Amino acid sequence: MEGAVNWASLPTDLIFSISSHLREPEDFVCFRAVCTQWRATMQHMNHAFFQPWLMASRFLEDEYSENVLFYSLSTLKTIKVCVPATKGRCVAASGSGHLIGVDKDDDLSAVLVNPLTGKTTLLPRLPEFFHNNGAHGWVSGDAGAITIELNNWMSTNMALWHHGGGITMEAWATVPKRMFRLRESYYLQMLAAMIVGEVEIPIHDIDNAIVL
């Protein structure tokens, strides 16, 4: 059509300038949906300044749905986001712009999902103490590094996994739950030391490596 604007041809720096004014994740999703070029240009890591969303509890009939409901603290409204990677998976944890989905039929299989970009990372298999006992926890960190902490009501241990800074753990580290609550910062420092090779102990034996 004559006179039509070719939005895909906008310079990259202009796209960044416009998107820098976005504060709502919902607006970010719509912005990236304009065209393939915009979606390829804009990554979630460029937008760590979003106003926070809270994830609503998933009712029994929606527990394994691909639809995830969020609540915006800034607009005071709910937003339903389709996250295909959560279909057939229970959301066990959330935080730092990510969700952890645990497979309905294989409860030791889990994925890390960014609900805005759709990026999905297959996590190492969960430790055996999660089998038939469920999992819950949280995700902390930023665009450069992510730490996942998972536990359940039945086990005395909990599991840690880290990704970022060019390092990805090949297995979960298990730590005593009771002591972790009391000495969380110490455990995380020890975990970091193991990751960079300052402590020569297998990563899955972190619970035996720390003097309680």
Protein backbone atom coordinates (compact mmCIF):
# COMPACT_ATOMS: atom_id res chain seq x y z
CA MET A 1 0.00 0.00 0.00
CA GLU A 2 1.38 3.39 -0.99
CA GLY A 3 2.36 5.53 1.98
CA ALA A 4 2.33 2.59 4.41
CA VAL A 5 4.99 2.64 7.12
CA ASN A 6 7.55 -0.16 7.05
CA TRP A 7 7.92 -0.64 10.81
CA ALA A 8 10.45 -3.42 10.34
CA SER A 9 12.91 -0.96 8.80
CA LEU A 10 13.23 1.23 11.92
CA PRO A 11 16.87 1.61 13.04
CA THR A 12 17.88 -0.55 15.99
CA ASP A 13 18.87 2.43 18.15
CA LEU A 14 15.42 3.97 17.64
CA ILE A 15 13.74 0.71 18.65
CA PHE A 16 15.84 0.66 21.83
CA SER A 17 14.98 4.30 22.54
CA ILE A 18 11.24 3.72 22.21
CA SER A 19 11.28 0.52 24.25
CA SER A 20 13.25 2.16 27.05
CA HIS A 21 10.03 3.91 28.09
CA LEU A 22 8.18 0.61 28.61
CA ARG A 23 7.54 -0.23 32.25
CA GLU A 24 4.92 -2.98 31.94
CA PRO A 25 5.80 -6.52 30.82
CA GLU A 26 2.48 -6.59 28.95
CA ASP A 27 3.61 -3.62 26.83
CA PHE A 28 6.93 -5.37 26.20
CA VAL A 29 5.10 -8.46 24.87
CA CYS A 30 2.97 -6.29 22.55
CA PHE A 31 6.03 -4.33 21.41
CA ARG A 32 7.90 -7.49 20.43
CA ALA A 33 4.82 -8.80 18.62
CA VAL A 34 4.86 -5.98 16.04
CA CYS A 35 7.20 -7.85 13.69
CA THR A 36 9.96 -10.44 13.57
CA GLN A 37 12.69 -7.78 13.39
CA TRP A 38 11.52 -6.06 16.57
CA ARG A 39 11.23 -9.38 18.38
CA ALA A 40 14.78 -10.33 17.38
CA THR A 41 16.12 -6.92 18.43
CA MET A 42 14.51 -6.69 21.85
CA GLN A 43 15.55 -9.17 24.50
CA HIS A 44 14.23 -9.39 28.07
CA MET A 45 17.73 -8.77 29.44
CA ASN A 46 17.43 -5.17 28.25
CA HIS A 47 14.39 -4.61 30.46
CA ALA A 48 15.27 -5.46 34.04
CA PHE A 49 13.41 -2.33 35.18
CA PHE A 50 9.87 -3.67 34.72
CA GLN A 51 7.29 -3.02 37.40
CA PRO A 52 6.81 -6.35 39.22
CA TRP A 53 4.07 -8.86 38.50
CA LEU A 54 2.72 -11.37 41.00
CA MET A 55 1.83 -14.83 39.75
CA ALA A 56 -1.62 -15.95 40.87
CA SER A 57 -2.14 -19.41 42.33
CA ARG A 58 -3.16 -21.98 39.74
CA PHE A 59 -6.41 -23.71 40.65
CA LEU A 60 -6.62 -27.48 40.36
CA GLU A 61 -8.26 -27.45 36.92
CA ASP A 62 -5.61 -25.03 35.60
CA GLU A 63 -2.59 -26.51 37.37
CA TYR A 64 -1.12 -27.96 34.17
CA SER A 65 -2.48 -25.35 31.76
CA GLU A 66 -0.41 -23.26 29.36
CA ASN A 67 -2.19 -20.14 30.64
CA VAL A 68 -0.57 -18.33 33.57
CA LEU A 69 -2.35 -15.52 35.41
CA PHE A 70 -0.38 -12.54 36.72
CA TYR A 71 -1.33 -9.44 38.73
CA SER A 72 0.29 -6.08 37.96
CA LEU A 73 1.11 -3.96 41.00
CA SER A 74 1.29 -0.79 38.91
CA THR A 75 -1.92 -1.14 36.86
CA LEU A 76 -3.84 -3.15 39.50
CA LYS A 77 -5.15 -5.58 36.91
CA THR A 78 -4.72 -9.23 36.05
CA ILE A 79 -3.04 -10.40 32.85
CA LYS A 80 -3.33 -13.88 31.37
CA VAL A 81 -0.20 -14.95 29.50
CA CYS A 82 -0.03 -18.03 27.30
CA VAL A 83 3.18 -19.89 28.16
CA PRO A 84 3.28 -23.06 26.01
CA ALA A 85 6.19 -24.49 28.02
CA THR A 86 3.99 -24.77 31.15
CA LYS A 87 1.42 -27.01 29.46
CA GLY A 88 1.52 -30.37 31.23
CA ARG A 89 3.76 -28.90 33.92
CA CYS A 90 3.13 -27.63 37.42
CA VAL A 91 4.69 -24.24 38.21
CA ALA A 92 6.83 -25.03 41.25
CA ALA A 93 8.64 -21.71 41.65
CA SER A 94 8.87 -18.20 40.25
CA GLY A 95 10.96 -15.06 40.57
CA SER A 96 13.35 -12.78 38.68
CA GLY A 97 11.16 -12.97 35.59
CA HIS A 98 11.23 -16.78 35.38
CA LEU A 99 9.06 -19.80 36.16
CA ILE A 100 10.05 -23.35 37.06
CA GLY A 101 7.81 -26.00 35.50
CA VAL A 102 7.84 -29.60 36.76
CA ASP A 103 6.51 -32.29 34.42
CA LYS A 104 3.18 -33.86 35.35
CA ASP A 105 4.21 -37.38 34.30
CA ASP A 106 7.89 -37.20 35.30
CA ASP A 107 8.19 -35.20 38.50
CA LEU A 108 12.00 -35.17 38.38
CA SER A 109 12.00 -33.39 35.01
CA ALA A 110 11.92 -29.58 35.19
CA VAL A 111 12.41 -26.53 32.96
CA LEU A 112 13.30 -22.88 33.51
CA VAL A 113 10.95 -20.64 31.51
CA ASN A 114 10.90 -16.92 30.70
CA PRO A 115 7.14 -16.28 30.24
CA LEU A 116 7.72 -13.08 28.24
CA THR A 117 10.20 -14.30 25.65
CA GLY A 118 9.26 -17.98 25.75
CA LYS A 119 12.89 -19.03 26.22
CA THR A 120 13.01 -22.45 27.88
CA THR A 121 15.99 -24.17 29.51
CA LEU A 122 15.93 -27.86 30.44
CA LEU A 123 17.20 -28.22 34.01
CA PRO A 124 19.21 -31.16 35.38
CA ARG A 125 17.02 -33.93 36.77
CA LEU A 126 15.81 -33.16 40.27
CA PRO A 127 17.20 -35.16 43.22
CA GLU A 128 15.26 -38.32 44.12
CA PHE A 129 13.78 -36.81 47.29
CA PHE A 130 11.41 -34.77 45.09
CA HIS A 131 9.80 -37.90 43.61
CA ASN A 132 6.12 -38.10 44.65
CA ASN A 133 6.70 -35.34 47.22
CA GLY A 134 6.21 -32.21 45.11
CA ALA A 135 8.48 -29.19 44.81
CA HIS A 136 8.24 -25.50 45.61
CA GLY A 137 10.70 -22.67 45.98
CA TRP A 138 11.90 -19.50 44.32
CA VAL A 139 14.19 -18.04 41.67
CA SER A 140 16.59 -15.20 42.46
CA GLY A 141 19.13 -13.19 40.49
CA ASP A 142 19.05 -11.02 37.40
CA ALA A 143 19.50 -11.27 33.63
CA GLY A 144 23.14 -12.24 34.07
CA ALA A 145 22.85 -14.98 36.70
CA ILE A 146 20.01 -17.11 38.05
CA THR A 147 19.91 -19.21 41.23
CA ILE A 148 17.07 -21.67 41.89
CA GLU A 149 16.23 -22.96 45.37
CA LEU A 150 13.73 -25.85 45.61
CA ASN A 151 12.44 -27.88 48.54
CA ASN A 152 9.39 -29.85 49.70
CA TRP A 153 7.63 -30.59 52.97
CA MET A 154 8.77 -34.22 53.25
CA SER A 155 12.55 -33.95 52.91
CA THR A 156 15.12 -32.53 55.30
CA ASN A 157 17.19 -31.36 52.30
CA MET A 158 16.75 -28.74 49.62
CA ALA A 159 18.31 -28.30 46.18
CA LEU A 160 20.24 -25.42 44.57
CA TRP A 161 21.06 -24.76 40.90
CA HIS A 162 22.93 -21.84 39.33
CA HIS A 163 23.32 -20.53 35.80
CA GLY A 164 25.22 -17.42 34.71
CA GLY A 165 28.60 -15.85 34.31
CA GLY A 166 29.56 -18.47 31.76
CA ILE A 167 28.85 -21.25 34.27
CA THR A 168 26.01 -23.77 34.27
CA MET A 169 25.77 -26.44 36.95
CA GLU A 170 25.45 -29.96 35.54
CA ALA A 171 23.60 -31.24 38.62
CA TRP A 172 21.69 -29.91 41.62
CA ALA A 173 23.54 -29.25 44.86
CA THR A 174 21.73 -30.57 47.95
CA VAL A 175 22.01 -28.90 51.36
CA PRO A 176 20.35 -29.53 54.76
CA LYS A 177 17.21 -27.42 54.84
CA ARG A 178 17.40 -26.48 58.52
CA MET A 179 20.95 -25.19 58.33
CA PHE A 180 20.32 -23.40 55.05
CA ARG A 181 17.71 -21.20 56.73
CA LEU A 182 20.24 -20.19 59.36
CA ARG A 183 23.28 -19.79 57.11
CA GLU A 184 21.95 -19.02 53.64
CA SER A 185 24.64 -16.50 52.71
CA TYR A 186 27.39 -18.93 53.76
CA TYR A 187 25.94 -21.77 51.69
CA LEU A 188 25.65 -19.57 48.61
CA GLN A 189 29.25 -18.39 49.03
CA MET A 190 30.40 -22.02 49.28
CA LEU A 191 28.33 -22.89 46.21
CA ALA A 192 29.96 -20.04 44.29
CA ALA A 193 33.42 -21.22 45.37
CA MET A 194 32.68 -24.74 44.12
CA ILE A 195 31.39 -23.43 40.82
CA VAL A 196 34.58 -21.48 40.08
CA GLY A 197 36.76 -24.36 41.25
CA GLU A 198 38.09 -22.84 44.47
CA VAL A 199 36.87 -25.90 46.40
CA GLU A 200 37.70 -29.31 44.92
CA ILE A 201 34.53 -31.15 45.94
CA PRO A 202 31.85 -32.56 43.57
CA ILE A 203 29.03 -30.05 43.25
CA HIS A 204 26.37 -32.53 44.37
CA ASP A 205 28.22 -33.10 47.66
CA ILE A 206 27.95 -29.54 48.93
CA ASP A 207 26.05 -30.75 52.01
CA ASN A 208 29.07 -32.86 53.02
CA ALA A 209 31.53 -30.10 52.18
CA ILE A 210 30.25 -27.60 54.72
CA VAL A 211 31.03 -27.81 58.42
CA LEU A 212 27.74 -27.37 60.30
